[in-house]
Each structure stands twice: as C-alpha cells, then as structure tokens.
C-alpha cells in the first residue's frame, strides 16, 4: 500500500487445533488493512496457505512466510516494534508518535500480535506496547483498529494488483466478478435487462 517503509505483522505463538482460524484472520486482516506482509510461526502452515490463496485470488502485493524463530525476528528487526497487548499504552495516546516514526522517519514497523502467554522479553524489546481499549478482546480486532489508525483510513482505498476477481460493492446482495471484466459494461447490460 505504501511506497516507503515496510509494515510487517508477526503472529507470535500458534496453538494448532485451537488457533487456526484466529491466526488465519490475523494474516487476512494484515493484508486487507495495509500491511506489506505477515510472518507466521512455522507450525501455522495452513494459515500461510490460506492467506497466499486469498492474495492470489484477490490481489496483492502481500507476502506471507513462516519462521521458526519469531522472537529472533523481534530482536533483529531493523526498525521499530509495536506489541499489541491489552496491558499497553492507549492507542490514542501513542498513535501520532508511532505514525511519525513510520511515515516521517521511514522506520520499518513490526507489529507483534500474540496468541498464548507472551514472554516478558517481548514487552521489553518492543518500542511500544499498545492497548486497544485495555479490555479483553480479539487480537484480530486490536490489529484492525491499530492499522486503521496508523494509516488514517488510506488503506481502505488500496489498489489490488494481479487479482483474478474482485468484489463489487452493493447495497444488498453479493457480487464477485472476474478482475478482467469491464465493470461499467456489466452494469449497463444489467440495467438493459441482459
């Protein structure tokens, strides 16, 4: 979505059989709301496959990868690290500082989203521990709110490249069409009863 510094999302921890859907949704939310890539733990291969499939069908660019050393990624990250946790500083109090570091300073940003109990080292290594509402809720919701505040809504206007299909916004109903079709000519045919 952005031309400058990267935003990557790291899913820290994955409990097979319990976290499959949530881990997948972390990746899909990262993609849909402007991140450049997601990094899953190496035991989350199914989530990686699902995110890669969605990217192939609905467009990118977006990367998905596995790692066997997620905490090493945090330690070695050449940029700034945001750890999303309900115990962190309020997002509304730190979002400007984070946005300035990312947009103005050009620092790549790693957004860490936990699963099971997060080791205390992560809290210490993060540049910001950020809470969305400081209440128990879904980590997917926290990621979505954070990315929307980081990008100030610009991510909602993203152009998707190399898509096979696209969703056509409608007041009611569902419509998905081939990305190669001409949207205006399709609407004209429908209005003419074809």
N, C-alpha and C. Protein backbone atom coordinates (compact mmCIF):
# COMPACT_ATOMS: atom_id res chain seq x y z
N UNK A 1 0.82 -1.20 0.00
CA UNK A 1 0.00 0.00 0.00
C UNK A 1 0.86 1.25 0.00
N UNK A 2 1.96 1.24 0.70
CA UNK A 2 2.79 2.42 0.84
C UNK A 2 4.09 2.23 0.10
N UNK A 3 4.65 3.32 -0.33
CA UNK A 3 5.86 3.27 -1.11
C UNK A 3 7.11 3.26 -0.25
N UNK A 4 6.98 3.69 0.98
CA UNK A 4 8.15 3.91 1.81
C UNK A 4 8.47 2.69 2.65
N UNK A 5 8.45 2.86 3.95
CA UNK A 5 8.91 1.81 4.84
C UNK A 5 7.85 0.72 5.07
N UNK A 6 8.36 -0.44 5.29
CA UNK A 6 7.53 -1.63 5.42
C UNK A 6 6.75 -1.67 6.73
N UNK A 7 5.58 -2.29 6.66
CA UNK A 7 4.83 -2.68 7.85
C UNK A 7 4.64 -4.19 7.76
N UNK A 8 5.21 -4.90 8.72
CA UNK A 8 5.06 -6.36 8.79
C UNK A 8 4.33 -6.71 10.07
N UNK A 9 3.55 -7.78 10.01
CA UNK A 9 2.83 -8.27 11.19
C UNK A 9 3.40 -9.64 11.55
N UNK A 10 3.78 -9.80 12.80
CA UNK A 10 4.32 -11.06 13.30
C UNK A 10 3.29 -11.68 14.24
N UNK A 11 2.84 -12.88 13.88
CA UNK A 11 1.97 -13.65 14.78
C UNK A 11 2.89 -14.41 15.73
N UNK A 12 2.84 -14.06 16.98
CA UNK A 12 3.71 -14.66 17.99
C UNK A 12 2.94 -15.76 18.71
N UNK A 13 3.28 -17.00 18.41
CA UNK A 13 2.60 -18.14 19.01
C UNK A 13 1.44 -18.62 18.16
N UNK A 14 1.25 -19.94 18.15
CA UNK A 14 0.14 -20.56 17.43
C UNK A 14 -0.09 -21.92 18.02
N UNK A 15 -1.30 -22.15 18.51
CA UNK A 15 -1.66 -23.45 19.09
C UNK A 15 -2.47 -24.22 18.05
N UNK A 16 -1.84 -25.21 17.39
CA UNK A 16 -2.55 -25.98 16.36
C UNK A 16 -3.84 -26.57 16.92
N UNK A 17 -4.89 -26.51 16.10
CA UNK A 17 -6.18 -27.03 16.51
C UNK A 17 -7.01 -26.02 17.28
N UNK A 18 -6.36 -25.09 17.93
CA UNK A 18 -7.09 -24.09 18.72
C UNK A 18 -7.06 -22.71 18.05
N UNK A 19 -5.94 -22.36 17.44
CA UNK A 19 -5.75 -21.01 16.91
C UNK A 19 -5.84 -20.91 15.39
N UNK A 20 -6.19 -22.00 14.70
CA UNK A 20 -6.14 -21.99 13.23
C UNK A 20 -6.89 -20.79 12.64
N UNK A 21 -8.13 -20.63 13.02
CA UNK A 21 -8.96 -19.57 12.45
C UNK A 21 -8.44 -18.19 12.85
N UNK A 22 -8.07 -18.03 14.11
CA UNK A 22 -7.60 -16.73 14.59
C UNK A 22 -6.29 -16.34 13.91
N UNK A 23 -5.36 -17.29 13.79
CA UNK A 23 -4.08 -16.99 13.15
C UNK A 23 -4.30 -16.62 11.68
N UNK A 24 -5.18 -17.36 11.00
CA UNK A 24 -5.50 -17.03 9.61
C UNK A 24 -6.08 -15.63 9.52
N UNK A 25 -6.96 -15.28 10.44
CA UNK A 25 -7.60 -13.96 10.41
C UNK A 25 -6.62 -12.83 10.73
N UNK A 26 -5.59 -13.12 11.52
CA UNK A 26 -4.53 -12.13 11.72
C UNK A 26 -3.89 -11.82 10.36
N UNK A 27 -3.58 -12.87 9.59
CA UNK A 27 -2.97 -12.66 8.28
C UNK A 27 -3.89 -11.96 7.30
N UNK A 28 -5.15 -12.35 7.26
CA UNK A 28 -6.10 -11.71 6.34
C UNK A 28 -6.33 -10.25 6.70
N UNK A 29 -6.39 -9.96 7.98
CA UNK A 29 -6.57 -8.57 8.43
C UNK A 29 -5.34 -7.74 8.10
N UNK A 30 -4.17 -8.30 8.32
CA UNK A 30 -2.93 -7.59 7.96
C UNK A 30 -2.95 -7.23 6.48
N UNK A 31 -3.32 -8.19 5.64
CA UNK A 31 -3.36 -7.96 4.19
C UNK A 31 -4.40 -6.90 3.83
N UNK A 32 -5.61 -7.07 4.31
CA UNK A 32 -6.71 -6.20 3.91
C UNK A 32 -6.53 -4.77 4.40
N UNK A 33 -5.82 -4.59 5.51
CA UNK A 33 -5.73 -3.26 6.12
C UNK A 33 -4.35 -2.63 6.01
N UNK A 34 -3.59 -3.00 4.97
CA UNK A 34 -2.45 -2.21 4.59
C UNK A 34 -1.06 -2.68 4.93
N UNK A 35 -0.91 -3.78 5.69
CA UNK A 35 0.44 -4.27 5.96
C UNK A 35 1.04 -4.85 4.68
N UNK A 36 2.36 -4.96 4.66
CA UNK A 36 3.06 -5.49 3.49
C UNK A 36 3.22 -7.00 3.53
N UNK A 37 3.32 -7.55 4.75
CA UNK A 37 3.48 -9.00 4.86
C UNK A 37 3.13 -9.45 6.27
N UNK A 38 2.93 -10.75 6.39
CA UNK A 38 2.68 -11.38 7.69
C UNK A 38 3.70 -12.50 7.86
N UNK A 39 4.15 -12.66 9.09
CA UNK A 39 5.09 -13.72 9.44
C UNK A 39 4.41 -14.60 10.48
N UNK A 40 4.23 -15.88 10.11
CA UNK A 40 3.58 -16.85 10.99
C UNK A 40 4.62 -17.76 11.63
N UNK A 41 4.30 -18.33 12.80
CA UNK A 41 5.17 -19.37 13.35
C UNK A 41 5.19 -20.57 12.40
N UNK A 42 6.25 -21.36 12.46
CA UNK A 42 6.41 -22.45 11.49
C UNK A 42 5.37 -23.55 11.62
N UNK A 43 4.59 -23.59 12.69
CA UNK A 43 3.53 -24.59 12.80
C UNK A 43 2.18 -24.07 12.31
N UNK A 44 2.17 -22.94 11.61
CA UNK A 44 0.93 -22.35 11.10
C UNK A 44 0.90 -22.39 9.57
N UNK A 45 1.33 -23.50 8.99
CA UNK A 45 1.38 -23.64 7.54
C UNK A 45 0.04 -23.51 6.86
N UNK A 46 -1.02 -24.00 7.51
CA UNK A 46 -2.36 -23.90 6.91
C UNK A 46 -2.79 -22.43 6.80
N UNK A 47 -2.48 -21.64 7.79
CA UNK A 47 -2.81 -20.21 7.74
C UNK A 47 -2.06 -19.53 6.60
N UNK A 48 -0.78 -19.88 6.44
CA UNK A 48 0.01 -19.33 5.34
C UNK A 48 -0.62 -19.68 4.00
N UNK A 49 -1.02 -20.94 3.82
CA UNK A 49 -1.63 -21.36 2.56
C UNK A 49 -2.91 -20.58 2.27
N UNK A 50 -3.74 -20.38 3.29
CA UNK A 50 -4.99 -19.65 3.09
C UNK A 50 -4.73 -18.21 2.69
N UNK A 51 -3.81 -17.54 3.38
CA UNK A 51 -3.50 -16.14 3.07
C UNK A 51 -2.89 -16.03 1.67
N UNK A 52 -2.02 -16.95 1.30
CA UNK A 52 -1.43 -16.94 -0.04
C UNK A 52 -2.50 -17.15 -1.10
N UNK A 53 -3.45 -18.04 -0.84
CA UNK A 53 -4.54 -18.29 -1.78
C UNK A 53 -5.41 -17.05 -1.97
N UNK A 54 -5.76 -16.39 -0.88
CA UNK A 54 -6.57 -15.17 -0.96
C UNK A 54 -5.81 -14.09 -1.73
N UNK A 55 -4.52 -13.96 -1.48
CA UNK A 55 -3.71 -12.97 -2.20
C UNK A 55 -3.68 -13.30 -3.69
N UNK A 56 -3.54 -14.57 -4.04
CA UNK A 56 -3.56 -14.97 -5.45
C UNK A 56 -4.89 -14.63 -6.12
N UNK A 57 -5.99 -14.84 -5.40
CA UNK A 57 -7.31 -14.61 -6.00
C UNK A 57 -7.74 -13.15 -5.99
N UNK A 58 -7.46 -12.45 -4.88
CA UNK A 58 -7.99 -11.09 -4.73
C UNK A 58 -6.93 -10.00 -4.87
N UNK A 59 -5.68 -10.37 -5.11
CA UNK A 59 -4.66 -9.38 -5.41
C UNK A 59 -3.71 -9.07 -4.28
N UNK A 60 -2.67 -8.38 -4.65
CA UNK A 60 -1.61 -8.00 -3.72
C UNK A 60 -1.12 -6.63 -4.08
N UNK A 61 0.11 -6.33 -3.78
CA UNK A 61 1.10 -7.25 -3.25
C UNK A 61 0.94 -7.48 -1.76
N UNK A 62 1.26 -8.70 -1.34
CA UNK A 62 1.27 -9.05 0.08
C UNK A 62 2.07 -10.34 0.22
N UNK A 63 2.93 -10.38 1.21
CA UNK A 63 3.75 -11.56 1.45
C UNK A 63 3.34 -12.28 2.71
N UNK A 64 3.49 -13.60 2.69
CA UNK A 64 3.24 -14.43 3.86
C UNK A 64 4.38 -15.43 3.97
N UNK A 65 4.90 -15.60 5.17
CA UNK A 65 6.03 -16.50 5.36
C UNK A 65 5.96 -17.15 6.74
N UNK A 66 6.76 -18.20 6.90
CA UNK A 66 6.87 -18.91 8.18
C UNK A 66 8.24 -18.65 8.78
N UNK A 67 8.31 -18.70 10.11
CA UNK A 67 9.59 -18.60 10.80
C UNK A 67 9.63 -19.60 11.95
N UNK A 68 10.82 -20.12 12.22
CA UNK A 68 10.99 -21.00 13.37
C UNK A 68 11.61 -20.23 14.54
N UNK A 69 11.76 -18.92 14.37
CA UNK A 69 12.36 -18.11 15.45
C UNK A 69 11.70 -16.73 15.52
N UNK A 70 10.44 -16.70 15.91
CA UNK A 70 9.73 -15.42 15.94
C UNK A 70 10.35 -14.38 16.88
N UNK A 71 10.86 -14.81 18.02
CA UNK A 71 11.47 -13.83 18.93
C UNK A 71 12.78 -13.31 18.37
N UNK A 72 13.47 -14.11 17.56
CA UNK A 72 14.66 -13.63 16.88
C UNK A 72 14.34 -12.52 15.90
N UNK A 73 13.19 -12.62 15.26
CA UNK A 73 12.76 -11.55 14.33
C UNK A 73 12.58 -10.25 15.09
N UNK A 74 11.98 -10.32 16.26
CA UNK A 74 11.79 -9.11 17.07
C UNK A 74 13.15 -8.52 17.45
N UNK A 75 14.04 -9.35 17.97
CA UNK A 75 15.36 -8.88 18.41
C UNK A 75 16.17 -8.27 17.27
N UNK A 76 16.06 -8.84 16.06
CA UNK A 76 16.89 -8.42 14.94
C UNK A 76 16.20 -7.42 14.00
N UNK A 77 14.99 -7.02 14.34
CA UNK A 77 14.23 -6.12 13.46
C UNK A 77 14.95 -4.79 13.32
N UNK A 78 15.17 -4.36 12.09
CA UNK A 78 15.84 -3.08 11.83
C UNK A 78 14.78 -2.02 11.59
N UNK A 79 14.20 -1.60 12.65
CA UNK A 79 13.13 -0.61 12.62
C UNK A 79 12.52 -0.54 14.01
N UNK A 80 11.24 -0.22 14.06
CA UNK A 80 10.54 -0.07 15.34
C UNK A 80 9.58 -1.24 15.51
N UNK A 81 9.29 -1.57 16.78
CA UNK A 81 8.43 -2.71 17.10
C UNK A 81 7.26 -2.23 17.95
N UNK A 82 6.06 -2.58 17.50
CA UNK A 82 4.83 -2.32 18.26
C UNK A 82 4.28 -3.67 18.69
N UNK A 83 4.09 -3.83 19.98
CA UNK A 83 3.49 -5.05 20.51
C UNK A 83 2.07 -4.71 20.94
N UNK A 84 1.08 -5.36 20.31
CA UNK A 84 -0.31 -5.12 20.67
C UNK A 84 -0.68 -5.99 21.86
N UNK A 85 -1.07 -5.35 22.95
CA UNK A 85 -1.43 -6.04 24.19
C UNK A 85 -2.44 -5.20 24.94
N UNK A 86 -3.39 -5.83 25.60
CA UNK A 86 -4.38 -5.05 26.34
C UNK A 86 -3.75 -4.31 27.52
N UNK A 87 -2.51 -4.66 27.87
CA UNK A 87 -1.84 -4.02 29.01
C UNK A 87 -1.01 -2.81 28.59
N UNK A 88 -1.00 -2.48 27.30
CA UNK A 88 -0.13 -1.42 26.81
C UNK A 88 -0.71 -0.03 26.97
N UNK A 89 0.08 0.94 26.50
CA UNK A 89 -0.39 2.32 26.48
C UNK A 89 -1.58 2.43 25.53
N UNK A 90 -2.46 3.36 25.81
CA UNK A 90 -3.66 3.51 24.98
C UNK A 90 -3.27 3.93 23.57
N UNK A 91 -3.86 3.26 22.57
CA UNK A 91 -3.51 3.52 21.18
C UNK A 91 -3.69 5.00 20.84
N UNK A 92 -4.72 5.62 21.36
CA UNK A 92 -4.98 7.02 21.05
C UNK A 92 -3.92 7.96 21.64
N UNK A 93 -3.16 7.48 22.62
CA UNK A 93 -2.10 8.30 23.22
C UNK A 93 -0.77 8.18 22.49
N UNK A 94 -0.55 7.10 21.74
CA UNK A 94 0.75 6.88 21.10
C UNK A 94 0.70 6.80 19.59
N UNK A 95 -0.49 6.81 18.99
CA UNK A 95 -0.59 6.62 17.54
C UNK A 95 0.16 7.70 16.76
N UNK A 96 0.13 8.95 17.19
CA UNK A 96 0.84 10.01 16.46
C UNK A 96 2.35 9.77 16.49
N UNK A 97 2.86 9.39 17.65
CA UNK A 97 4.30 9.11 17.79
C UNK A 97 4.72 7.95 16.89
N UNK A 98 3.91 6.90 16.85
CA UNK A 98 4.22 5.74 16.02
C UNK A 98 4.15 6.11 14.54
N UNK A 99 3.11 6.84 14.17
CA UNK A 99 2.94 7.25 12.77
C UNK A 99 4.11 8.14 12.32
N UNK A 100 4.55 9.04 13.19
CA UNK A 100 5.68 9.91 12.86
C UNK A 100 6.94 9.08 12.65
N UNK A 101 7.19 8.11 13.53
CA UNK A 101 8.37 7.25 13.38
C UNK A 101 8.31 6.47 12.08
N UNK A 102 7.13 6.04 11.70
CA UNK A 102 6.98 5.25 10.49
C UNK A 102 6.98 6.12 9.23
N UNK A 103 6.14 7.13 9.20
CA UNK A 103 5.98 7.95 7.99
C UNK A 103 7.14 8.93 7.80
N UNK A 104 7.45 9.69 8.82
CA UNK A 104 8.44 10.75 8.68
C UNK A 104 9.87 10.23 8.76
N UNK A 105 10.14 9.37 9.74
CA UNK A 105 11.50 8.84 9.90
C UNK A 105 11.76 7.68 8.96
N UNK A 106 10.69 7.09 8.41
CA UNK A 106 10.86 5.98 7.48
C UNK A 106 11.27 4.68 8.13
N UNK A 107 10.98 4.54 9.43
CA UNK A 107 11.35 3.31 10.13
C UNK A 107 10.41 2.17 9.75
N UNK A 108 10.95 1.03 9.30
CA UNK A 108 10.09 -0.15 9.10
C UNK A 108 9.43 -0.50 10.44
N UNK A 109 8.21 -0.97 10.36
CA UNK A 109 7.43 -1.23 11.57
C UNK A 109 7.05 -2.71 11.63
N UNK A 110 7.34 -3.34 12.76
CA UNK A 110 6.93 -4.71 13.03
C UNK A 110 5.82 -4.65 14.08
N UNK A 111 4.65 -5.18 13.72
CA UNK A 111 3.51 -5.21 14.64
C UNK A 111 3.38 -6.64 15.15
N UNK A 112 3.56 -6.83 16.45
CA UNK A 112 3.55 -8.15 17.06
C UNK A 112 2.17 -8.41 17.65
N UNK A 113 1.59 -9.54 17.25
CA UNK A 113 0.26 -9.95 17.72
C UNK A 113 0.42 -11.30 18.40
N UNK A 114 0.16 -11.35 19.69
CA UNK A 114 0.36 -12.57 20.46
C UNK A 114 -0.77 -13.57 20.30
N UNK A 115 -0.55 -14.72 20.88
CA UNK A 115 -1.54 -15.80 20.91
C UNK A 115 -1.63 -16.26 22.35
N UNK A 116 -0.78 -17.21 22.70
CA UNK A 116 -0.72 -17.67 24.07
C UNK A 116 0.02 -16.64 24.90
N UNK A 117 0.33 -16.98 26.14
CA UNK A 117 1.02 -16.04 27.03
C UNK A 117 2.31 -15.54 26.37
N UNK A 118 2.43 -14.23 26.29
CA UNK A 118 3.58 -13.60 25.63
C UNK A 118 4.72 -13.47 26.63
N UNK A 119 5.93 -13.93 26.28
CA UNK A 119 7.07 -13.80 27.18
C UNK A 119 7.35 -12.33 27.51
N UNK A 120 7.80 -12.09 28.74
CA UNK A 120 8.05 -10.72 29.18
C UNK A 120 9.10 -10.03 28.32
N UNK A 121 10.03 -10.80 27.74
CA UNK A 121 11.06 -10.21 26.87
C UNK A 121 10.43 -9.38 25.76
N UNK A 122 9.30 -9.83 25.25
CA UNK A 122 8.65 -9.12 24.14
C UNK A 122 8.24 -7.72 24.59
N UNK A 123 7.69 -7.62 25.80
CA UNK A 123 7.31 -6.31 26.34
C UNK A 123 8.54 -5.39 26.44
N UNK A 124 9.67 -5.95 26.83
CA UNK A 124 10.88 -5.15 26.99
C UNK A 124 11.51 -4.76 25.66
N UNK A 125 11.43 -5.65 24.67
CA UNK A 125 12.06 -5.39 23.37
C UNK A 125 11.23 -4.47 22.49
N UNK A 126 9.94 -4.38 22.74
CA UNK A 126 9.07 -3.52 21.92
C UNK A 126 9.36 -2.05 22.20
N UNK A 127 9.28 -1.25 21.13
CA UNK A 127 9.38 0.20 21.31
C UNK A 127 8.11 0.74 21.93
N UNK A 128 6.99 0.12 21.58
CA UNK A 128 5.70 0.49 22.16
C UNK A 128 4.92 -0.77 22.46
N UNK A 129 4.35 -0.84 23.65
CA UNK A 129 3.33 -1.82 24.00
C UNK A 129 2.01 -1.06 23.95
N UNK A 130 1.12 -1.47 23.04
CA UNK A 130 -0.05 -0.68 22.71
C UNK A 130 -1.32 -1.47 23.00
N UNK A 131 -2.24 -0.83 23.71
CA UNK A 131 -3.53 -1.44 24.01
C UNK A 131 -4.66 -0.74 23.27
N UNK A 132 -5.52 -1.53 22.67
CA UNK A 132 -6.74 -1.00 22.07
C UNK A 132 -7.85 -1.32 23.05
N UNK A 133 -8.30 -0.32 23.77
CA UNK A 133 -9.33 -0.34 24.82
C UNK A 133 -8.86 -0.85 26.17
N UNK A 134 -7.71 -1.50 26.28
CA UNK A 134 -7.23 -2.08 27.54
C UNK A 134 -8.26 -3.03 28.16
N UNK A 135 -9.04 -3.66 27.31
CA UNK A 135 -10.03 -4.64 27.73
C UNK A 135 -9.79 -5.95 26.98
N UNK A 136 -10.18 -7.07 27.56
CA UNK A 136 -10.04 -8.34 26.83
C UNK A 136 -10.89 -8.31 25.55
N UNK A 137 -10.27 -8.67 24.45
CA UNK A 137 -10.99 -8.77 23.18
C UNK A 137 -10.12 -9.52 22.19
N UNK A 138 -10.57 -9.63 20.98
CA UNK A 138 -9.85 -10.38 19.95
C UNK A 138 -8.60 -9.64 19.49
N UNK A 139 -7.51 -10.40 19.32
CA UNK A 139 -6.29 -9.79 18.78
C UNK A 139 -6.48 -9.34 17.34
N UNK A 140 -7.42 -9.94 16.64
CA UNK A 140 -7.72 -9.51 15.27
C UNK A 140 -8.35 -8.12 15.29
N UNK A 141 -9.25 -7.89 16.22
CA UNK A 141 -9.87 -6.57 16.35
C UNK A 141 -8.82 -5.52 16.72
N UNK A 142 -7.92 -5.86 17.63
CA UNK A 142 -6.87 -4.93 18.00
C UNK A 142 -5.98 -4.58 16.82
N UNK A 143 -5.62 -5.59 16.01
CA UNK A 143 -4.79 -5.35 14.84
C UNK A 143 -5.52 -4.45 13.84
N UNK A 144 -6.79 -4.70 13.61
CA UNK A 144 -7.56 -3.90 12.66
C UNK A 144 -7.64 -2.44 13.09
N UNK A 145 -7.93 -2.20 14.35
CA UNK A 145 -8.02 -0.82 14.84
C UNK A 145 -6.65 -0.15 14.74
N UNK A 146 -5.60 -0.86 15.13
CA UNK A 146 -4.27 -0.27 15.09
C UNK A 146 -3.88 0.12 13.66
N UNK A 147 -4.04 -0.79 12.70
CA UNK A 147 -3.64 -0.50 11.32
C UNK A 147 -4.47 0.65 10.74
N UNK A 148 -5.75 0.68 11.05
CA UNK A 148 -6.58 1.77 10.55
C UNK A 148 -6.12 3.12 11.12
N UNK A 149 -5.75 3.15 12.37
CA UNK A 149 -5.24 4.39 12.96
C UNK A 149 -3.86 4.75 12.41
N UNK A 150 -3.03 3.76 12.19
CA UNK A 150 -1.70 4.01 11.64
C UNK A 150 -1.81 4.65 10.26
N UNK A 151 -2.66 4.10 9.41
CA UNK A 151 -2.79 4.57 8.03
C UNK A 151 -3.86 5.64 7.85
N UNK A 152 -4.57 5.98 8.92
CA UNK A 152 -5.59 7.03 8.90
C UNK A 152 -6.63 6.80 7.79
N UNK A 153 -6.99 5.55 7.57
CA UNK A 153 -8.03 5.22 6.60
C UNK A 153 -7.56 5.08 5.16
N UNK A 154 -6.30 5.45 4.87
CA UNK A 154 -5.80 5.36 3.49
C UNK A 154 -5.81 3.92 2.97
N UNK A 155 -5.68 2.96 3.87
CA UNK A 155 -5.64 1.56 3.46
C UNK A 155 -6.96 1.10 2.83
N UNK A 156 -8.03 1.82 3.10
CA UNK A 156 -9.34 1.44 2.56
C UNK A 156 -9.46 1.77 1.07
N UNK A 157 -8.54 2.55 0.55
CA UNK A 157 -8.55 2.93 -0.88
C UNK A 157 -7.49 2.19 -1.67
N UNK A 158 -6.92 1.15 -1.09
CA UNK A 158 -5.81 0.43 -1.72
C UNK A 158 -6.22 -0.17 -3.07
N UNK A 159 -5.31 -0.08 -4.04
CA UNK A 159 -5.48 -0.75 -5.33
C UNK A 159 -4.83 -2.12 -5.24
N UNK A 160 -5.55 -3.14 -5.66
CA UNK A 160 -5.04 -4.52 -5.59
C UNK A 160 -4.57 -4.93 -6.97
N UNK A 161 -3.35 -5.41 -7.06
CA UNK A 161 -2.74 -5.78 -8.33
C UNK A 161 -2.79 -7.29 -8.53
N UNK A 162 -2.87 -7.70 -9.80
CA UNK A 162 -2.80 -9.11 -10.19
C UNK A 162 -3.90 -9.95 -9.57
N UNK A 163 -5.08 -9.38 -9.41
CA UNK A 163 -6.22 -10.12 -8.85
C UNK A 163 -6.91 -10.92 -9.95
N UNK A 164 -7.43 -12.09 -9.59
CA UNK A 164 -8.26 -12.87 -10.51
C UNK A 164 -9.71 -12.42 -10.43
N UNK A 165 -10.12 -11.91 -9.28
CA UNK A 165 -11.50 -11.50 -9.09
C UNK A 165 -11.56 -10.30 -8.16
N UNK A 166 -12.70 -9.65 -8.18
CA UNK A 166 -12.90 -8.51 -7.29
C UNK A 166 -14.35 -8.49 -6.81
N UNK A 167 -14.52 -7.95 -5.63
CA UNK A 167 -15.85 -7.80 -5.05
C UNK A 167 -16.41 -6.47 -5.50
N UNK A 168 -17.64 -6.48 -5.96
CA UNK A 168 -18.32 -5.26 -6.38
C UNK A 168 -19.19 -4.78 -5.21
N UNK A 169 -18.91 -3.60 -4.66
CA UNK A 169 -19.71 -3.10 -3.53
C UNK A 169 -21.17 -2.92 -3.95
N UNK A 170 -22.07 -3.40 -3.11
CA UNK A 170 -23.51 -3.32 -3.40
C UNK A 170 -24.25 -3.00 -2.11
N UNK A 171 -25.40 -2.37 -2.26
CA UNK A 171 -26.23 -2.09 -1.09
C UNK A 171 -26.77 -3.38 -0.49
N UNK A 172 -27.21 -4.30 -1.34
CA UNK A 172 -27.67 -5.61 -0.89
C UNK A 172 -27.14 -6.67 -1.86
N UNK A 173 -27.04 -7.87 -1.40
CA UNK A 173 -26.59 -8.96 -2.26
C UNK A 173 -25.08 -9.10 -2.24
N UNK A 174 -24.62 -10.08 -3.04
CA UNK A 174 -23.18 -10.37 -3.14
C UNK A 174 -22.82 -10.46 -4.61
N UNK A 175 -21.72 -9.82 -4.96
CA UNK A 175 -21.28 -9.90 -6.34
C UNK A 175 -19.76 -9.91 -6.41
N UNK A 176 -19.24 -10.98 -6.99
CA UNK A 176 -17.82 -11.13 -7.24
C UNK A 176 -17.68 -11.39 -8.73
N UNK A 177 -16.78 -10.66 -9.37
CA UNK A 177 -16.62 -10.84 -10.81
C UNK A 177 -15.15 -11.00 -11.16
N UNK A 178 -14.92 -11.44 -12.34
CA UNK A 178 -13.55 -11.58 -12.85
C UNK A 178 -12.91 -10.21 -12.87
N UNK A 179 -11.65 -10.15 -12.48
CA UNK A 179 -10.94 -8.87 -12.48
C UNK A 179 -10.73 -8.34 -13.89
N UNK A 180 -10.86 -9.22 -14.90
CA UNK A 180 -10.67 -8.81 -16.29
C UNK A 180 -11.91 -8.19 -16.91
N UNK A 181 -13.08 -8.39 -16.30
CA UNK A 181 -14.32 -7.87 -16.90
C UNK A 181 -14.39 -6.36 -16.74
N UNK A 182 -15.15 -5.76 -17.61
CA UNK A 182 -15.35 -4.31 -17.60
C UNK A 182 -16.52 -3.98 -16.69
N UNK A 183 -16.30 -3.35 -15.54
CA UNK A 183 -17.39 -3.08 -14.60
C UNK A 183 -18.50 -2.23 -15.20
N UNK A 184 -18.15 -1.20 -15.95
CA UNK A 184 -19.20 -0.32 -16.49
C UNK A 184 -20.06 -1.05 -17.50
N UNK A 185 -19.48 -1.86 -18.38
CA UNK A 185 -20.27 -2.56 -19.38
C UNK A 185 -21.16 -3.62 -18.72
N UNK A 186 -20.68 -4.24 -17.64
CA UNK A 186 -21.51 -5.20 -16.92
C UNK A 186 -22.74 -4.52 -16.33
N UNK A 187 -22.55 -3.34 -15.75
CA UNK A 187 -23.69 -2.62 -15.16
C UNK A 187 -24.67 -2.18 -16.25
N UNK A 188 -24.15 -1.75 -17.39
CA UNK A 188 -25.03 -1.35 -18.49
C UNK A 188 -25.87 -2.53 -18.95
N UNK A 189 -25.27 -3.72 -19.10
CA UNK A 189 -26.02 -4.90 -19.53
C UNK A 189 -27.09 -5.22 -18.51
N UNK A 190 -26.77 -5.13 -17.22
CA UNK A 190 -27.77 -5.43 -16.21
C UNK A 190 -28.93 -4.43 -16.26
N UNK A 191 -28.60 -3.15 -16.44
CA UNK A 191 -29.68 -2.15 -16.47
C UNK A 191 -30.54 -2.28 -17.72
N UNK A 192 -29.99 -2.87 -18.78
CA UNK A 192 -30.76 -3.10 -20.01
C UNK A 192 -31.47 -4.44 -19.98
N UNK A 193 -31.40 -5.15 -18.88
CA UNK A 193 -32.10 -6.40 -18.73
C UNK A 193 -31.41 -7.58 -19.39
N UNK A 194 -30.16 -7.47 -19.74
CA UNK A 194 -29.44 -8.57 -20.39
C UNK A 194 -28.94 -9.56 -19.38
